[in-house]
Amino acid sequence: MAEKLPEHPDFLWRNPDPKSSYDAIIVGGGGHGLATAYYLASQHGMTNIAVLEKGWLGGGNMARNTTIIRSNYLWDESAAIYEHSLKLWEQLPEELDYDFLFSQRGVLNLAHTLQDVRESQRRVNANALNGVDAYFLSPEEVKEVCPIINIGDDIRYPIMGATYQPRAGIAKHDHVAWAFARRCDQLGVDLIQNCEVTGFLKDGDRVVGVETTRGRISAGKVGLAAAGHSSVLAELAGVRLPIQSHPLQALVSELFEPVHPTVVMSNHVHVYVSQAHKGELVMGAGIDSYNGYGQRGAFHVIEEQMAAAVELFPIFARAHVLRTWGGIVDTTLDASPIISDTPVEELYVNCGWGTGGFKGTPASGYTFAHMIATGAAHPLNKSFSLDRFETGHLIDEHGAAAVAH
């Protein structure tokens, strides 16, 4: 059992004013920023650090995602970092001493065409070589895992099989943020909310601090973990990142008794659905095609998402949409993240996770903390550097059946 640290009696964490200087500053108080601060403190002994969040902790993409956790990616580099993340997920409830409702209910990735089947079987074989649990199921086996799914041949995209990862699942996103935040605070990290970074302090080609809406703060190292706004922040420091930001929409239904036992994803018809712990159906779709920073999207994306969902799950035709929302995903050219140093000394960036950010939270923080603390890449994130876009050593998950969500 993890060591019990003292808790504040009336609240989960302190809400301190920023100090004039820190050994390191993490910009972004979402899952990746909080996980980075936690591992900096717990693994590297760096406690004179601060997490700066322009709004409230966990209020950005962390509060706006569909919480799917899996590691069945195609390429070796992707499978390695996401599998490490999944192994961390499996131990974090005990390590953080917080039940954030991690539920390993499995994930199905549906195949609707012969090409889907070939790509799915290729990915299952690649997963097996990388020690990731994954299987290819027949339509009848898919029906056994998820009884409410329609495997008939009279629909637009009949189900021809699916990959299945039993260890995959979901977790409660806000609880995850609270768990990391509470532990960070117990370890002495300053979590500073309503503190927007507006510029960077530099000494030549070296970053020495940040300008914020709450004053100037000096720092030995600065790590950016601001998801969709990473490119805007980096540009303030003179760094242009190869990412684009898009709205990504999702929705939930009203509450129901348990009807959906697993997570189902379909890249071909672009919908993915699970049932949350309270009972609502949680559905996501593809990104809106335009670039933007609005936390909403176009109606036709939701309309097409619902048509696909009802086709796959006829029972959902009786459900009512409770609310919709959007997040801001930062996507790279190869649909893989960037965890890297930058041309500005002591400025590090963690971005480009696209639709895979939530599932990557623990490994993202683990590897980013290693890089900030040591100045060198961890083996798991060495391939996710900025210079791959110059050398051509891309990790192209765009072409893999595992790319979405």
Protein backbone atom coordinates (compact mmCIF):
# COMPACT_ATOMS: atom_id res chain seq x y z
CA MET A 1 0.00 0.00 0.00
CA ALA A 2 1.25 3.49 -0.82
CA GLU A 3 2.55 5.58 2.06
CA LYS A 4 -0.14 7.70 3.72
CA LEU A 5 0.69 11.38 3.52
CA PRO A 6 -1.01 14.08 5.62
CA GLU A 7 -4.23 15.45 4.21
CA HIS A 8 -5.81 18.85 4.63
CA PRO A 9 -8.95 18.36 6.70
CA ASP A 10 -11.35 20.59 4.78
CA PHE A 11 -10.26 20.36 1.15
CA LEU A 12 -8.43 18.12 -1.29
CA TRP A 13 -5.53 20.49 -1.97
CA ARG A 14 -4.21 23.94 -1.10
CA ASN A 15 -4.91 26.94 -3.34
CA PRO A 16 -1.68 28.91 -2.85
CA ASP A 17 -0.49 32.19 -4.32
CA PRO A 18 2.45 31.73 -6.69
CA LYS A 19 5.95 32.10 -5.31
CA SER A 20 8.49 34.28 -7.09
CA SER A 21 10.48 31.30 -8.37
CA TYR A 22 10.42 27.54 -8.72
CA ASP A 23 12.82 24.84 -9.87
CA ALA A 24 10.27 23.87 -12.52
CA ILE A 25 6.91 25.07 -13.79
CA ILE A 26 4.35 22.93 -15.60
CA VAL A 27 1.94 24.93 -17.75
CA GLY A 28 -1.42 23.19 -17.88
CA GLY A 29 -3.39 21.73 -15.00
CA GLY A 30 -5.06 18.87 -16.83
CA GLY A 31 -4.27 15.18 -16.58
CA HIS A 32 -0.89 15.37 -18.31
CA GLY A 33 0.29 18.41 -16.36
CA LEU A 34 -0.80 16.96 -13.01
CA ALA A 35 0.70 13.55 -13.81
CA THR A 36 3.98 15.21 -14.78
CA ALA A 37 4.10 17.13 -11.51
CA TYR A 38 3.27 13.98 -9.54
CA TYR A 39 6.09 11.96 -11.12
CA LEU A 40 8.55 14.87 -10.83
CA ALA A 41 7.87 14.90 -7.09
CA SER A 42 7.49 11.17 -6.44
CA GLN A 43 10.12 9.76 -8.81
CA HIS A 44 12.67 12.57 -9.08
CA GLY A 45 12.37 14.37 -5.74
CA MET A 46 11.53 17.73 -7.32
CA THR A 47 8.99 19.36 -5.01
CA ASN A 48 9.76 23.06 -5.51
CA ILE A 49 7.55 23.06 -8.57
CA ALA A 50 4.26 24.62 -9.62
CA VAL A 51 1.44 23.68 -11.96
CA LEU A 52 -0.10 26.77 -13.57
CA GLU A 53 -3.66 26.48 -14.86
CA LYS A 54 -5.50 29.35 -16.56
CA GLY A 55 -8.87 28.03 -15.39
CA TRP A 56 -9.54 25.29 -12.86
CA LEU A 57 -7.68 22.00 -12.47
CA GLY A 58 -8.92 19.37 -14.89
CA GLY A 59 -11.30 21.83 -16.57
CA GLY A 60 -10.00 21.56 -20.14
CA ASN A 61 -9.82 18.40 -22.23
CA MET A 62 -9.59 16.35 -19.04
CA ALA A 63 -13.23 17.22 -18.34
CA ARG A 64 -14.31 16.85 -21.97
CA ASN A 65 -13.12 13.44 -23.12
CA THR A 66 -14.82 10.06 -23.36
CA THR A 67 -12.38 8.31 -20.97
CA ILE A 68 -11.39 5.31 -23.11
CA ILE A 69 -8.19 3.55 -22.00
CA ARG A 70 -6.43 0.99 -24.22
CA SER A 71 -3.01 0.11 -25.57
CA ASN A 72 -3.71 -1.88 -28.76
CA TYR A 73 -1.86 0.45 -31.14
CA LEU A 74 -0.12 -0.79 -34.28
CA TRP A 75 3.39 0.62 -34.26
CA ASP A 76 6.01 -0.54 -31.77
CA GLU A 77 6.64 2.93 -30.34
CA SER A 78 2.94 3.64 -29.83
CA ALA A 79 2.19 0.22 -28.34
CA ALA A 80 5.12 0.59 -25.93
CA ILE A 81 4.09 3.93 -24.45
CA TYR A 82 0.37 3.13 -24.30
CA GLU A 83 1.00 -0.31 -22.78
CA HIS A 84 3.23 1.31 -20.16
CA SER A 85 0.39 3.73 -19.54
CA LEU A 86 -2.11 0.90 -19.12
CA LYS A 87 0.18 -0.84 -16.63
CA LEU A 88 0.40 2.42 -14.67
CA TRP A 89 -3.40 2.77 -14.78
CA GLU A 90 -3.65 -0.69 -13.22
CA GLN A 91 -1.58 0.31 -10.18
CA LEU A 92 -2.55 3.97 -9.76
CA PRO A 93 -5.75 3.55 -7.67
CA GLU A 94 -3.66 1.97 -4.91
CA GLU A 95 -0.61 4.17 -5.48
CA LEU A 96 -2.65 7.39 -5.33
CA ASP A 97 -4.97 5.97 -2.67
CA TYR A 98 -7.99 7.15 -4.62
CA ASP A 99 -10.77 5.18 -6.31
CA PHE A 100 -11.21 6.89 -9.67
CA LEU A 101 -13.44 4.07 -10.95
CA PHE A 102 -10.98 2.40 -13.29
CA SER A 103 -13.04 -0.30 -15.01
CA GLN A 104 -11.31 -2.86 -17.24
CA ARG A 105 -14.38 -3.85 -19.22
CA GLY A 106 -12.58 -4.39 -22.55
CA VAL A 107 -12.63 -2.54 -25.88
CA LEU A 108 -13.94 -3.78 -29.23
CA ASN A 109 -12.69 -2.15 -32.46
CA LEU A 110 -15.12 -3.16 -35.18
CA ALA A 111 -14.22 -4.26 -38.72
CA HIS A 112 -16.78 -3.55 -41.45
CA THR A 113 -14.91 -4.33 -44.67
CA LEU A 114 -12.36 -6.86 -45.87
CA GLN A 115 -9.70 -4.15 -45.62
CA ASP A 116 -10.79 -3.49 -42.02
CA VAL A 117 -10.43 -7.21 -41.30
CA ARG A 118 -6.92 -7.35 -42.78
CA GLU A 119 -5.83 -4.24 -40.87
CA SER A 120 -7.37 -5.55 -37.66
CA GLN A 121 -5.65 -8.92 -37.91
CA ARG A 122 -2.36 -7.20 -38.71
CA ARG A 123 -2.73 -5.07 -35.59
CA VAL A 124 -3.60 -8.07 -33.40
CA ASN A 125 -0.46 -9.84 -34.62
CA ALA A 126 1.65 -6.75 -33.98
CA ASN A 127 0.13 -6.45 -30.49
CA ALA A 128 1.02 -10.07 -29.75
CA LEU A 129 4.64 -9.40 -30.69
CA ASN A 130 4.65 -6.44 -28.29
CA GLY A 131 3.07 -8.33 -25.39
CA VAL A 132 -0.24 -6.49 -25.63
CA ASP A 133 -3.40 -8.53 -25.02
CA ALA A 134 -5.46 -8.48 -28.21
CA TYR A 135 -7.65 -10.93 -30.13
CA PHE A 136 -9.61 -10.97 -33.36
CA LEU A 137 -13.24 -12.00 -32.84
CA SER A 138 -15.84 -13.28 -35.29
CA PRO A 139 -19.20 -11.47 -35.50
CA GLU A 140 -20.74 -14.13 -33.27
CA GLU A 141 -17.98 -13.67 -30.69
CA VAL A 142 -18.51 -9.92 -30.85
CA LYS A 143 -22.17 -10.53 -30.03
CA GLU A 144 -21.16 -12.63 -27.02
CA VAL A 145 -19.05 -9.78 -25.64
CA CYS A 146 -21.67 -7.12 -26.43
CA PRO A 147 -25.17 -8.66 -26.70
CA ILE A 148 -26.94 -5.42 -27.74
CA ILE A 149 -24.88 -4.93 -30.91
CA ASN A 150 -26.43 -5.57 -34.35
CA ILE A 151 -24.46 -8.17 -36.32
CA GLY A 152 -27.08 -8.57 -39.06
CA ASP A 153 -26.12 -8.26 -42.72
CA ASP A 154 -28.92 -5.81 -43.56
CA ILE A 155 -27.15 -2.68 -42.33
CA ARG A 156 -24.99 -0.22 -44.22
CA TYR A 157 -21.73 -1.45 -42.69
CA PRO A 158 -22.16 -5.06 -41.48
CA ILE A 159 -19.82 -6.21 -38.70
CA MET A 160 -17.25 -8.64 -40.11
CA GLY A 161 -15.36 -9.05 -36.84
CA ALA A 162 -13.49 -6.94 -34.30
CA THR A 163 -10.29 -6.69 -32.35
CA TYR A 164 -10.75 -7.12 -28.62
CA GLN A 165 -8.49 -5.99 -25.77
CA PRO A 166 -9.87 -7.35 -22.48
CA ARG A 167 -7.61 -5.22 -20.20
CA ALA A 168 -8.82 -1.97 -21.76
CA GLY A 169 -11.65 0.08 -20.27
CA ILE A 170 -12.62 3.45 -18.84
CA ALA A 171 -12.08 5.61 -15.75
CA LYS A 172 -13.82 8.63 -14.22
CA HIS A 173 -11.93 11.57 -15.70
CA ASP A 174 -12.55 14.21 -13.02
CA HIS A 175 -11.69 11.71 -10.27
CA VAL A 176 -8.38 11.01 -12.03
CA ALA A 177 -7.54 14.72 -12.01
CA TRP A 178 -8.48 14.99 -8.33
CA ALA A 179 -6.39 11.94 -7.45
CA PHE A 180 -3.26 13.36 -9.07
CA ALA A 181 -3.91 16.86 -7.71
CA ARG A 182 -4.38 15.67 -4.12
CA ARG A 183 -1.20 13.62 -4.24
CA CYS A 184 0.77 16.47 -5.82
CA ASP A 185 -0.35 18.78 -3.04
CA GLN A 186 0.61 16.26 -0.38
CA LEU A 187 4.08 16.08 -1.92
CA GLY A 188 4.48 19.87 -1.72
CA VAL A 189 3.66 20.89 -5.29
CA ASP A 190 1.93 24.27 -5.68
CA LEU A 191 -1.25 23.94 -7.76
CA ILE A 192 -2.08 27.46 -8.93
CA GLN A 193 -5.45 27.98 -10.59
CA ASN A 194 -6.70 31.04 -12.50
CA CYS A 195 -3.12 31.79 -13.55
CA GLU A 196 -2.77 32.13 -17.31
CA VAL A 197 0.68 32.19 -18.90
CA THR A 198 0.92 35.22 -21.21
CA GLY A 199 4.62 35.12 -22.13
CA PHE A 200 8.04 33.68 -21.39
CA LEU A 201 11.11 35.14 -19.74
CA LYS A 202 14.26 34.33 -21.69
CA ASP A 203 17.98 34.82 -21.26
CA GLY A 204 19.24 34.45 -24.81
CA ASP A 205 18.09 31.03 -26.02
CA ARG A 206 17.23 29.84 -22.53
CA VAL A 207 13.87 30.11 -20.76
CA VAL A 208 14.13 31.48 -17.22
CA GLY A 209 10.49 31.96 -16.27
CA VAL A 210 7.00 32.95 -17.33
CA GLU A 211 4.79 36.01 -17.42
CA THR A 212 1.32 35.31 -16.02
CA THR A 213 -1.89 37.10 -15.17
CA ARG A 214 -0.75 36.81 -11.56
CA GLY A 215 2.70 38.23 -12.11
CA ARG A 216 6.17 37.18 -13.21
CA ILE A 217 7.47 33.79 -12.01
CA SER A 218 11.06 32.63 -12.42
CA ALA A 219 11.82 28.98 -13.16
CA GLY A 220 14.79 26.76 -13.90
CA LYS A 221 12.74 24.61 -16.28
CA VAL A 222 9.36 25.02 -17.98
CA GLY A 223 7.20 22.20 -19.36
CA LEU A 224 4.20 22.86 -21.60
CA ALA A 225 1.27 20.47 -21.23
CA ALA A 226 -1.56 22.62 -22.57
CA ALA A 227 -3.08 20.26 -25.17
CA GLY A 228 -5.02 22.24 -27.79
CA HIS A 229 -3.38 25.54 -26.88
CA SER A 230 0.19 24.22 -26.99
CA SER A 231 0.98 25.82 -30.35
CA VAL A 232 -0.25 29.22 -29.15
CA LEU A 233 1.88 29.04 -26.02
CA ALA A 234 4.98 27.72 -27.79
CA GLU A 235 4.81 30.52 -30.32
CA LEU A 236 5.06 33.03 -27.46
CA ALA A 237 8.45 31.44 -26.73
CA GLY A 238 9.50 31.55 -30.38
CA VAL A 239 8.84 27.86 -31.13
CA ARG A 240 6.54 26.78 -33.95
CA LEU A 241 5.00 23.35 -33.34
CA PRO A 242 3.79 21.03 -36.15
CA ILE A 243 0.31 20.60 -34.70
CA GLN A 244 -3.20 21.65 -35.62
CA SER A 245 -6.09 22.12 -33.20
CA HIS A 246 -9.59 20.89 -34.00
CA PRO A 247 -12.89 20.66 -32.11
CA LEU A 248 -13.80 17.12 -31.07
CA GLN A 249 -17.39 16.48 -30.03
CA ALA A 250 -19.04 14.02 -27.71
CA LEU A 251 -22.41 13.53 -26.03
CA VAL A 252 -24.14 11.68 -23.24
CA SER A 253 -27.64 10.28 -22.95
CA GLU A 254 -29.99 10.27 -20.01
CA LEU A 255 -29.35 7.63 -17.32
CA PHE A 256 -30.15 3.97 -17.93
CA GLU A 257 -29.80 0.69 -16.12
CA PRO A 258 -26.67 -1.24 -17.28
CA VAL A 259 -27.18 -2.33 -20.90
CA HIS A 260 -23.73 -1.88 -22.48
CA PRO A 261 -21.04 -4.04 -20.87
CA THR A 262 -17.94 -2.98 -22.80
CA VAL A 263 -16.54 -0.20 -25.02
CA VAL A 264 -17.26 -0.35 -28.76
CA MET A 265 -15.39 1.68 -31.36
CA SER A 266 -15.94 1.87 -35.10
CA ASN A 267 -13.47 3.88 -37.12
CA HIS A 268 -15.29 3.16 -40.35
CA VAL A 269 -18.62 4.68 -39.33
CA HIS A 270 -16.87 6.87 -36.77
CA VAL A 271 -18.64 6.38 -33.51
CA TYR A 272 -17.51 4.98 -30.18
CA VAL A 273 -19.65 4.30 -27.15
CA SER A 274 -19.47 3.10 -23.57
CA GLN A 275 -21.80 3.29 -20.60
CA ALA A 276 -20.57 5.43 -17.72
CA HIS A 277 -20.67 4.37 -14.10
CA LYS A 278 -23.79 6.45 -13.38
CA GLY A 279 -25.61 4.93 -16.35
CA GLU A 280 -25.42 7.46 -19.18
CA LEU A 281 -24.30 6.35 -22.63
CA VAL A 282 -21.13 8.22 -23.59
CA MET A 283 -20.57 8.65 -27.31
CA GLY A 284 -17.86 10.28 -29.36
CA ALA A 285 -17.25 10.96 -33.03
CA GLY A 286 -14.54 12.22 -35.34
CA ILE A 287 -13.01 15.67 -35.26
CA ASP A 288 -14.53 18.63 -37.05
CA SER A 289 -12.47 19.26 -40.17
CA TYR A 290 -11.76 22.93 -39.54
CA ASN A 291 -9.09 24.33 -37.21
CA GLY A 292 -10.37 26.11 -34.15
CA TYR A 293 -10.28 26.60 -30.40
CA GLY A 294 -14.03 26.61 -29.73
CA GLN A 295 -15.29 23.96 -27.33
CA ARG A 296 -18.22 23.10 -29.56
CA GLY A 297 -18.60 21.78 -33.09
CA ALA A 298 -20.85 21.45 -36.11
CA PHE A 299 -24.26 19.80 -35.79
CA HIS A 300 -23.82 17.49 -38.80
CA VAL A 301 -21.02 15.62 -36.96
CA ILE A 302 -23.37 14.79 -34.09
CA GLU A 303 -26.14 13.88 -36.54
CA GLU A 304 -23.91 11.41 -38.41
CA GLN A 305 -22.60 10.03 -35.12
CA MET A 306 -26.12 9.31 -33.87
CA ALA A 307 -27.13 7.66 -37.17
CA ALA A 308 -24.14 5.32 -36.90
CA ALA A 309 -24.84 4.55 -33.25
CA VAL A 310 -28.48 3.66 -33.86
CA GLU A 311 -27.50 1.43 -36.77
CA LEU A 312 -25.04 -0.52 -34.64
CA PHE A 313 -27.21 -0.46 -31.51
CA PRO A 314 -30.92 -0.39 -32.46
CA ILE A 315 -31.86 -0.19 -28.77
CA PHE A 316 -30.32 3.31 -28.65
CA ALA A 317 -33.15 4.66 -30.83
CA ARG A 318 -35.18 4.88 -27.61
CA ALA A 319 -32.56 6.99 -25.80
CA HIS A 320 -32.55 10.77 -25.46
CA VAL A 321 -29.48 13.00 -25.74
CA LEU A 322 -28.87 14.79 -22.47
CA ARG A 323 -26.04 17.14 -23.50
CA THR A 324 -23.25 17.60 -26.04
CA TRP A 325 -19.89 19.30 -25.72
CA GLY A 326 -16.55 19.68 -27.44
CA GLY A 327 -12.87 19.56 -26.58
CA ILE A 328 -9.82 20.89 -28.43
CA VAL A 329 -7.55 18.19 -29.81
CA ASP A 330 -4.02 18.97 -30.94
CA THR A 331 -3.06 16.69 -33.81
CA THR A 332 0.31 16.09 -35.46
CA LEU A 333 1.07 15.06 -39.02
CA ASP A 334 1.50 11.42 -38.00
CA ALA A 335 -1.21 11.23 -35.30
CA SER A 336 1.41 10.55 -32.63
CA PRO A 337 2.37 12.76 -29.68
CA ILE A 338 5.34 15.06 -29.15
CA ILE A 339 7.24 14.67 -25.85
CA SER A 340 10.39 16.61 -26.48
CA ASP A 341 12.84 19.32 -25.70
CA THR A 342 12.72 22.41 -27.94
CA PRO A 343 15.21 24.83 -29.56
CA VAL A 344 14.76 26.98 -26.44
CA GLU A 345 16.93 25.60 -23.65
CA GLU A 346 15.05 24.23 -20.60
CA LEU A 347 11.70 24.54 -22.42
CA TYR A 348 10.00 21.19 -22.94
CA VAL A 349 6.76 20.35 -24.69
CA ASN A 350 4.20 17.57 -24.33
CA CYS A 351 1.47 17.86 -26.96
CA GLY A 352 0.00 16.39 -30.14
CA TRP A 353 -1.84 13.52 -28.45
CA GLY A 354 -4.88 14.12 -30.63
CA THR A 355 -7.70 11.83 -29.52
CA GLY A 356 -5.42 9.61 -27.41
CA GLY A 357 -4.61 12.00 -24.59
CA PHE A 358 -6.67 10.57 -21.73
CA LYS A 359 -5.47 6.98 -22.11
CA GLY A 360 -1.89 8.20 -22.28
CA THR A 361 -2.09 10.32 -19.11
CA PRO A 362 0.12 8.25 -16.75
CA ALA A 363 2.86 7.42 -19.27
CA SER A 364 2.78 10.95 -20.60
CA GLY A 365 3.45 12.34 -17.15
CA TYR A 366 5.99 9.61 -16.35
CA THR A 367 8.13 10.20 -19.45
CA PHE A 368 7.73 13.99 -19.50
CA ALA A 369 8.81 14.18 -15.85
CA HIS A 370 11.89 12.11 -16.69
CA MET A 371 12.79 14.47 -19.53
CA ILE A 372 12.31 17.63 -17.45
CA ALA A 373 14.22 16.24 -14.47
CA THR A 374 17.15 14.76 -16.38
CA GLY A 375 17.21 16.76 -19.60
CA ALA A 376 17.24 13.50 -21.57
CA ALA A 377 14.46 11.50 -23.20
CA HIS A 378 13.14 8.36 -21.54
CA PRO A 379 13.39 5.30 -23.86
CA LEU A 380 9.60 5.31 -24.17
CA ASN A 381 9.41 8.84 -25.56
CA LYS A 382 12.73 9.05 -27.41
CA SER A 383 10.99 8.45 -30.75
CA PHE A 384 8.37 11.12 -30.06
CA SER A 385 10.78 14.03 -30.44
CA LEU A 386 10.30 17.16 -32.51
CA ASP A 387 13.15 16.32 -34.84
CA ARG A 388 11.27 13.35 -36.32
CA PHE A 389 9.44 15.83 -38.53
CA GLU A 390 12.81 16.85 -39.99
CA THR A 391 14.35 13.39 -40.27
CA GLY A 392 11.21 11.68 -41.56
CA HIS A 393 11.16 9.06 -38.80
CA LEU A 394 7.41 9.41 -38.32
CA ILE A 395 5.22 7.09 -36.25
CA ASP A 396 2.28 7.14 -38.62
CA GLU A 397 -0.77 5.99 -36.70
CA HIS A 398 -2.95 7.79 -39.28
CA GLY A 399 -2.80 4.74 -41.49
CA ALA A 400 -3.48 2.24 -38.71
CA ALA A 401 -6.85 0.93 -37.63
CA ALA A 402 -5.86 1.91 -34.09
CA VAL A 403 -5.59 5.62 -34.74
CA ALA A 404 -8.89 7.00 -33.52
CA HIS A 405 -9.67 7.64 -29.88
